[in-house]
Amino acid sequence: MHHMIQKIVIVLLSSVFLLSIAGCSTMKGLGQDIKKGGQHLENAAESHGG
């Protein structure tokens, strides 16, 4: 019984670790997209005299 709980905990921790790694790259991409969007807004505002 104790070994079964240990295995479950290891699988859960491994899953959380893998999801956090994937989340980091996703958040990095999201940050880059937001930055590009901000640059486009700034350029549009400058071209319209803002």
PDB file of N, CA and C in Angstrom:
ATOM      1  N   MET A   1       0.826  -1.198   0.000  1.00  0.00           N
ATOM      2  CA  MET A   1       0.000   0.000   0.000  1.00  0.00           C
ATOM      3  C   MET A   1       0.865   1.253   0.000  1.00  0.00           C
ATOM      4  N   HIS A   2       1.905   1.269   0.795  1.00  0.00           N
ATOM      5  CA  HIS A   2       2.789   2.431   0.888  1.00  0.00           C
ATOM      6  C   HIS A   2       3.480   2.702  -0.445  1.00  0.00           C
ATOM      7  N   HIS A   3       3.878   1.630  -1.156  1.00  0.00           N
ATOM      8  CA  HIS A   3       4.551   1.789  -2.449  1.00  0.00           C
ATOM      9  C   HIS A   3       3.597   2.346  -3.496  1.00  0.00           C
ATOM     10  N   MET A   4       2.336   1.981  -3.414  1.00  0.00           N
ATOM     11  CA  MET A   4       1.344   2.476  -4.362  1.00  0.00           C
ATOM     12  C   MET A   4       1.161   3.980  -4.193  1.00  0.00           C
ATOM     13  N   ILE A   5       1.078   4.448  -2.968  1.00  0.00           N
ATOM     14  CA  ILE A   5       0.946   5.877  -2.694  1.00  0.00           C
ATOM     15  C   ILE A   5       2.187   6.619  -3.175  1.00  0.00           C
ATOM     16  N   GLN A   6       3.356   6.035  -2.965  1.00  0.00           N
ATOM     17  CA  GLN A   6       4.607   6.634  -3.412  1.00  0.00           C
ATOM     18  C   GLN A   6       4.608   6.798  -4.931  1.00  0.00           C
ATOM     19  N   LYS A   7       4.165   5.776  -5.642  1.00  0.00           N
ATOM     20  CA  LYS A   7       4.125   5.831  -7.095  1.00  0.00           C
ATOM     21  C   LYS A   7       3.159   6.915  -7.573  1.00  0.00           C
ATOM     22  N   ILE A   8       2.013   7.017  -6.915  1.00  0.00           N
ATOM     23  CA  ILE A   8       1.031   8.034  -7.286  1.00  0.00           C
ATOM     24  C   ILE A   8       1.605   9.427  -7.072  1.00  0.00           C
ATOM     25  N   VAL A   9       2.272   9.639  -5.961  1.00  0.00           N
ATOM     26  CA  VAL A   9       2.872  10.942  -5.666  1.00  0.00           C
ATOM     27  C   VAL A   9       3.942  11.281  -6.701  1.00  0.00           C
ATOM     28  N   ILE A  10       4.756  10.309  -7.063  1.00  0.00           N
ATOM     29  CA  ILE A  10       5.813  10.542  -8.056  1.00  0.00           C
ATOM     30  C   ILE A  10       5.202  10.905  -9.409  1.00  0.00           C
ATOM     31  N   VAL A  11       4.168  10.196  -9.805  1.00  0.00           N
ATOM     32  CA  VAL A  11       3.511  10.492 -11.085  1.00  0.00           C
ATOM     33  C   VAL A  11       2.893  11.891 -11.053  1.00  0.00           C
ATOM     34  N   LEU A  12       2.241  12.243  -9.964  1.00  0.00           N
ATOM     35  CA  LEU A  12       1.631  13.569  -9.859  1.00  0.00           C
ATOM     36  C   LEU A  12       2.673  14.676  -9.896  1.00  0.00           C
ATOM     37  N   LEU A  13       3.763  14.498  -9.148  1.00  0.00           N
ATOM     38  CA  LEU A  13       4.816  15.513  -9.142  1.00  0.00           C
ATOM     39  C   LEU A  13       5.481  15.639 -10.509  1.00  0.00           C
ATOM     40  N   SER A  14       5.683  14.514 -11.170  1.00  0.00           N
ATOM     41  CA  SER A  14       6.266  14.541 -12.511  1.00  0.00           C
ATOM     42  C   SER A  14       5.347  15.269 -13.487  1.00  0.00           C
ATOM     43  N   SER A  15       4.059  15.023 -13.370  1.00  0.00           N
ATOM     44  CA  SER A  15       3.090  15.693 -14.243  1.00  0.00           C
ATOM     45  C   SER A  15       3.092  17.197 -14.011  1.00  0.00           C
ATOM     46  N   VAL A  16       3.101  17.603 -12.770  1.00  0.00           N
ATOM     47  CA  VAL A  16       3.132  19.033 -12.451  1.00  0.00           C
ATOM     48  C   VAL A  16       4.410  19.665 -12.993  1.00  0.00           C
ATOM     49  N   PHE A  17       5.529  18.977 -12.848  1.00  0.00           N
ATOM     50  CA  PHE A  17       6.803  19.489 -13.354  1.00  0.00           C
ATOM     51  C   PHE A  17       6.756  19.666 -14.864  1.00  0.00           C
ATOM     52  N   LEU A  18       6.262  18.661 -15.582  1.00  0.00           N
ATOM     53  CA  LEU A  18       6.201  18.745 -17.040  1.00  0.00           C
ATOM     54  C   LEU A  18       5.243  19.843 -17.497  1.00  0.00           C
ATOM     55  N   LEU A  19       4.125  19.975 -16.817  1.00  0.00           N
ATOM     56  CA  LEU A  19       3.183  21.040 -17.170  1.00  0.00           C
ATOM     57  C   LEU A  19       3.766  22.419 -16.901  1.00  0.00           C
ATOM     58  N   SER A  20       4.543  22.548 -15.840  1.00  0.00           N
ATOM     59  CA  SER A  20       5.143  23.851 -15.543  1.00  0.00           C
ATOM     60  C   SER A  20       6.187  24.215 -16.586  1.00  0.00           C
ATOM     61  N   ILE A  21       6.924  23.230 -17.089  1.00  0.00           N
ATOM     62  CA  ILE A  21       7.894  23.504 -18.151  1.00  0.00           C
ATOM     63  C   ILE A  21       7.161  23.961 -19.412  1.00  0.00           C
ATOM     64  N   ALA A  22       6.100  23.266 -19.769  1.00  0.00           N
ATOM     65  CA  ALA A  22       5.321  23.637 -20.945  1.00  0.00           C
ATOM     66  C   ALA A  22       4.688  25.011 -20.746  1.00  0.00           C
ATOM     67  N   GLY A  23       4.239  25.278 -19.539  1.00  0.00           N
ATOM     68  CA  GLY A  23       3.634  26.571 -19.231  1.00  0.00           C
ATOM     69  C   GLY A  23       4.612  27.716 -19.363  1.00  0.00           C
ATOM     70  N   CYS A  24       5.855  27.483 -19.013  1.00  0.00           N
ATOM     71  CA  CYS A  24       6.865  28.538 -19.123  1.00  0.00           C
ATOM     72  C   CYS A  24       7.058  28.950 -20.568  1.00  0.00           C
ATOM     73  N   SER A  25       7.191  27.998 -21.464  1.00  0.00           N
ATOM     74  CA  SER A  25       7.389  28.348 -22.867  1.00  0.00           C
ATOM     75  C   SER A  25       6.136  29.001 -23.433  1.00  0.00           C
ATOM     76  N   THR A  26       4.972  28.561 -22.971  1.00  0.00           N
ATOM     77  CA  THR A  26       3.723  29.161 -23.432  1.00  0.00           C
ATOM     78  C   THR A  26       3.629  30.608 -22.965  1.00  0.00           C
ATOM     79  N   MET A  27       3.965  30.861 -21.721  1.00  0.00           N
ATOM     80  CA  MET A  27       3.918  32.217 -21.194  1.00  0.00           C
ATOM     81  C   MET A  27       4.943  33.110 -21.885  1.00  0.00           C
ATOM     82  N   LYS A  28       6.098  32.550 -22.232  1.00  0.00           N
ATOM     83  CA  LYS A  28       7.115  33.328 -22.952  1.00  0.00           C
ATOM     84  C   LYS A  28       6.558  33.753 -24.302  1.00  0.00           C
ATOM     85  N   GLY A  29       5.919  32.820 -25.002  1.00  0.00           N
ATOM     86  CA  GLY A  29       5.318  33.136 -26.296  1.00  0.00           C
ATOM     87  C   GLY A  29       4.209  34.158 -26.166  1.00  0.00           C
ATOM     88  N   LEU A  30       3.406  34.031 -25.123  1.00  0.00           N
ATOM     89  CA  LEU A  30       2.333  34.987 -24.887  1.00  0.00           C
ATOM     90  C   LEU A  30       2.905  36.374 -24.634  1.00  0.00           C
ATOM     91  N   GLY A  31       3.960  36.440 -23.857  1.00  0.00           N
ATOM     92  CA  GLY A  31       4.610  37.726 -23.588  1.00  0.00           C
ATOM     93  C   GLY A  31       5.140  38.362 -24.859  1.00  0.00           C
ATOM     94  N   GLN A  32       5.715  37.556 -25.736  1.00  0.00           N
ATOM     95  CA  GLN A  32       6.226  38.078 -27.009  1.00  0.00           C
ATOM     96  C   GLN A  32       5.074  38.589 -27.876  1.00  0.00           C
ATOM     97  N   ASP A  33       3.955  37.855 -27.894  1.00  0.00           N
ATOM     98  CA  ASP A  33       2.799  38.284 -28.678  1.00  0.00           C
ATOM     99  C   ASP A  33       2.236  39.598 -28.151  1.00  0.00           C
ATOM    100  N   ILE A  34       2.155  39.734 -26.841  1.00  0.00           N
ATOM    101  CA  ILE A  34       1.650  40.973 -26.240  1.00  0.00           C
ATOM    102  C   ILE A  34       2.580  42.131 -26.576  1.00  0.00           C
ATOM    103  N   LYS A  35       3.882  41.871 -26.525  1.00  0.00           N
ATOM    104  CA  LYS A  35       4.863  42.913 -26.846  1.00  0.00           C
ATOM    105  C   LYS A  35       4.698  43.374 -28.293  1.00  0.00           C
ATOM    106  N   LYS A  36       4.536  42.427 -29.215  1.00  0.00           N
ATOM    107  CA  LYS A  36       4.341  42.771 -30.631  1.00  0.00           C
ATOM    108  C   LYS A  36       3.055  43.565 -30.816  1.00  0.00           C
ATOM    109  N   GLY A  37       2.000  43.147 -30.119  1.00  0.00           N
ATOM    110  CA  GLY A  37       0.732  43.868 -30.205  1.00  0.00           C
ATOM    111  C   GLY A  37       0.873  45.295 -29.712  1.00  0.00           C
ATOM    112  N   GLY A  38       1.608  45.469 -28.645  1.00  0.00           N
ATOM    113  CA  GLY A  38       1.851  46.810 -28.113  1.00  0.00           C
ATOM    114  C   GLY A  38       2.643  47.666 -29.085  1.00  0.00           C
ATOM    115  N   GLN A  39       3.602  47.063 -29.745  1.00  0.00           N
ATOM    116  CA  GLN A  39       4.389  47.802 -30.735  1.00  0.00           C
ATOM    117  C   GLN A  39       3.519  48.240 -31.902  1.00  0.00           C
ATOM    118  N   HIS A  40       2.621  47.366 -32.338  1.00  0.00           N
ATOM    119  CA  HIS A  40       1.711  47.715 -33.433  1.00  0.00           C
ATOM    120  C   HIS A  40       0.779  48.859 -33.017  1.00  0.00           C
ATOM    121  N   LEU A  41       0.272  48.819 -31.800  1.00  0.00           N
ATOM    122  CA  LEU A  41      -0.581  49.903 -31.314  1.00  0.00           C
ATOM    123  C   LEU A  41       0.182  51.225 -31.238  1.00  0.00           C
ATOM    124  N   GLU A  42       1.418  51.141 -30.758  1.00  0.00           N
ATOM    125  CA  GLU A  42       2.235  52.350 -30.662  1.00  0.00           C
ATOM    126  C   GLU A  42       2.520  52.932 -32.034  1.00  0.00           C
ATOM    127  N   ASN A  43       2.840  52.062 -32.982  1.00  0.00           N
ATOM    128  CA  ASN A  43       3.106  52.528 -34.353  1.00  0.00           C
ATOM    129  C   ASN A  43       1.853  53.150 -34.978  1.00  0.00           C
ATOM    130  N   ALA A  44       0.704  52.541 -34.741  1.00  0.00           N
ATOM    131  CA  ALA A  44      -0.543  53.065 -35.273  1.00  0.00           C
ATOM    132  C   ALA A  44      -0.857  54.430 -34.659  1.00  0.00           C
ATOM    133  N   ALA A  45      -0.625  54.565 -33.376  1.00  0.00           N
ATOM    134  CA  ALA A  45      -0.880  55.844 -32.714  1.00  0.00           C
ATOM    135  C   ALA A  45       0.057  56.924 -33.241  1.00  0.00           C
ATOM    136  N   GLU A  46       1.300  56.594 -33.476  1.00  0.00           N
ATOM    137  CA  GLU A  46       2.260  57.571 -33.982  1.00  0.00           C
ATOM    138  C   GLU A  46       1.914  57.989 -35.419  1.00  0.00           C
ATOM    139  N   SER A  47       1.449  57.043 -36.225  1.00  0.00           N
ATOM    140  CA  SER A  47       1.126  57.362 -37.610  1.00  0.00           C
ATOM    141  C   SER A  47      -0.144  58.218 -37.730  1.00  0.00           C
ATOM    142  N   HIS A  48      -0.973  58.207 -36.681  1.00  0.00           N
ATOM    143  CA  HIS A  48      -2.190  59.022 -36.678  1.00  0.00           C
ATOM    144  C   HIS A  48      -2.045  60.269 -35.830  1.00  0.00           C
ATOM    145  N   GLY A  49      -0.822  60.625 -35.527  1.00  0.00           N
ATOM    146  CA  GLY A  49      -0.576  61.857 -34.781  1.00  0.00           C
ATOM    147  C   GLY A  49      -0.830  61.764 -33.300  1.00  0.00           C
ATOM    148  N   GLY A  50      -0.758  60.548 -32.740  1.00  0.00           N
ATOM    149  CA  GLY A  50      -1.050  60.371 -31.326  1.00  0.00           C
ATOM    150  C   GLY A  50       0.094  60.386 -30.493  1.00  0.00           C
TER     151      GLY A  50
END
